[in-house]
Amino acid sequence: MSALRNIARITLLLAGSASLLVVSAPPAAAVGNASAAFTETVRKPFTGDFDAMVGRRLVRILVVPSQTYYFVDRGTQRGLAYDFGRAFEEKINQKRKRGEPRVEVIFIPVHRDDLLKGVVEGRGDIAIGNLTITPERERFVDFSVPFLRDVKEIVVTGPESPEVRTLDDLSGKTVFVRPTSSYFQSLWHLNESFSKQAKAGVAIESAPEQLEDEDILEMLNAGLVDIAIVDDHKARFWAQVLPGLRLHPDVAVRTGAETAWAFRKQSPQLASVVNEFARMHAAGTAFGNQKLQEYLKSLKYVKRARSEQERKKLFELIAIFRKYADQYAFDWLMVAAQGYQESGLDHGVRSRVGAIGIMQVMPATGRELGVGDIRQRDANIHAGTKYLRRLIDQHFSDPAIDPLNRTLFAFAGYNAGPNRVAALRKKAASQGLDPNRWFGNVERVVAREVGQEPVRYVANIYKYYVAYRLVVDTQREREAAEAAAKAP
């Protein structure tokens, strides 16, 4: 194994807003100054073509962390982007002469809105992320030969969503999409068409950029949102494991689309190498089909948190959540979202280890907190909320951490232990990550050192929070509309 690969496997570093997750370590003596040099090589902006990458023996692939494309579980990199990238590494090294050092491919996770920008600015060489080729994007980057052709961006609904039979049925409806997605652009063009026909436009609800397509599909399946737009192949893939999804292949906001890898303009050598690889690994090949099936087995799915039954649970508990969230300075919706993750807001839940009720409080913890009988809903929620505040005050009170991230760190500590999470914040800082941000930073170190459980725990709570925020906002809008209708 090359020295560069050994160095890569012990380093977790930041390149601008991007970080490289790597896994195992050689003996410490093998690292030394070489590790610092490698770090500097990755961090420094570079805009050369493929010959210069070969000279550096380094190709940087920007990826977006997601349940499908790229994630790290107990130090092991996984996902479709990772597998395709490793296959690309093997392909480019097949042409190396005997004895020549390997060209290494590294994976740099970034936020989706940094994916193309990172390539343009030289913080990565290739972007992989199920990227649809659009005229807007082609202004900034070039695309490979498509890995997937004839893609349709279709309407997907959930088990309780309004009926959608034609594009016209989207008029006046709310659709949940990320602003940086090609779906957003497609809806914008659809609204232009509706405007010319004097029809009400689509109300575009901006999804947080932290949510990937599969996250939004999970939310649809759970009844957390009503309508989304997703590539048809991805929707079909996830419909195999999310039975509540309703696909509408005849209701497409874009047809004939193509997805590909992206790279910097004026990179003809890289274009040639990537295109040769794409022709051998595109959808429909044995390699592509095999990899797609490997990620159906280990996923956890969001529950139906916004069904009528679950909404009733939430509104019955609002007064209690509000009371103690106000007392301990939390957003009550965030605490309610944690309660749903812990127990489904079912106070009758008892865990195998003896945790009780909505917030899954251990009896000893309840007694130590001094809030009363945690077998009662009020005291149980009081205990869980008070414990969250204690976690923040004792472990995450650094004023550099904003209120949202303090709460996210407290959730992680609730699940994985506060001392462990606090220690991993320090480790994140030592590796060039932001120790004051959970998403995209400390969560990556937690995934590597602890595993996916606390990462999924915090992510699910955040999804529930988004859903509950939508429920409350919708209720407020409905009440305001009713009040306006009744006004003289």
Foldseek 3Di string as FASTA:
>chain_A
DDLLLQLLQVAWADQPQWTFQHADHDPPVSHPVVNVVSRCVLNDADAAFPVVLVVVLEAEEEEADDLAAWAFFQRDIDHDVVVLQVVLQVVVQVPDDPPDDGRDYTYIYHQPVCQLVCQQRRSGFKYDYQAWDDPVSVVWWDFADFLDWFKFWFKKFFQPADDDQELLVQFPEEEEEACVHVVVVLQVVVQVVCVVVVTHGHHYHHDPSSDDPVNVVLCRLLQLDTMYIDIPVVVVLCCVPRVGMDTHVNHTSDTGITTGMIHGPPRVVNNVSRNVSSVQNGPPHPNVVVSSVVSNPDDDGFHNCPDPVNVVLCVVCVVLLVVLCVVLVHDSLLLQLLLCLVPVSAQCDADPVGQGGSNRHHPVQLVVVPQPDCSDPNSVSNSNSVQLSVLCVVQPVPPVADPVLSSLLSLLCVPPNSVVLSVLLVVQVVSHFHSRHCPSTSVNSCSNNPTCVSVVSSVSSVSSSVSVVVVVVVVVVVVVVVVVVPDD
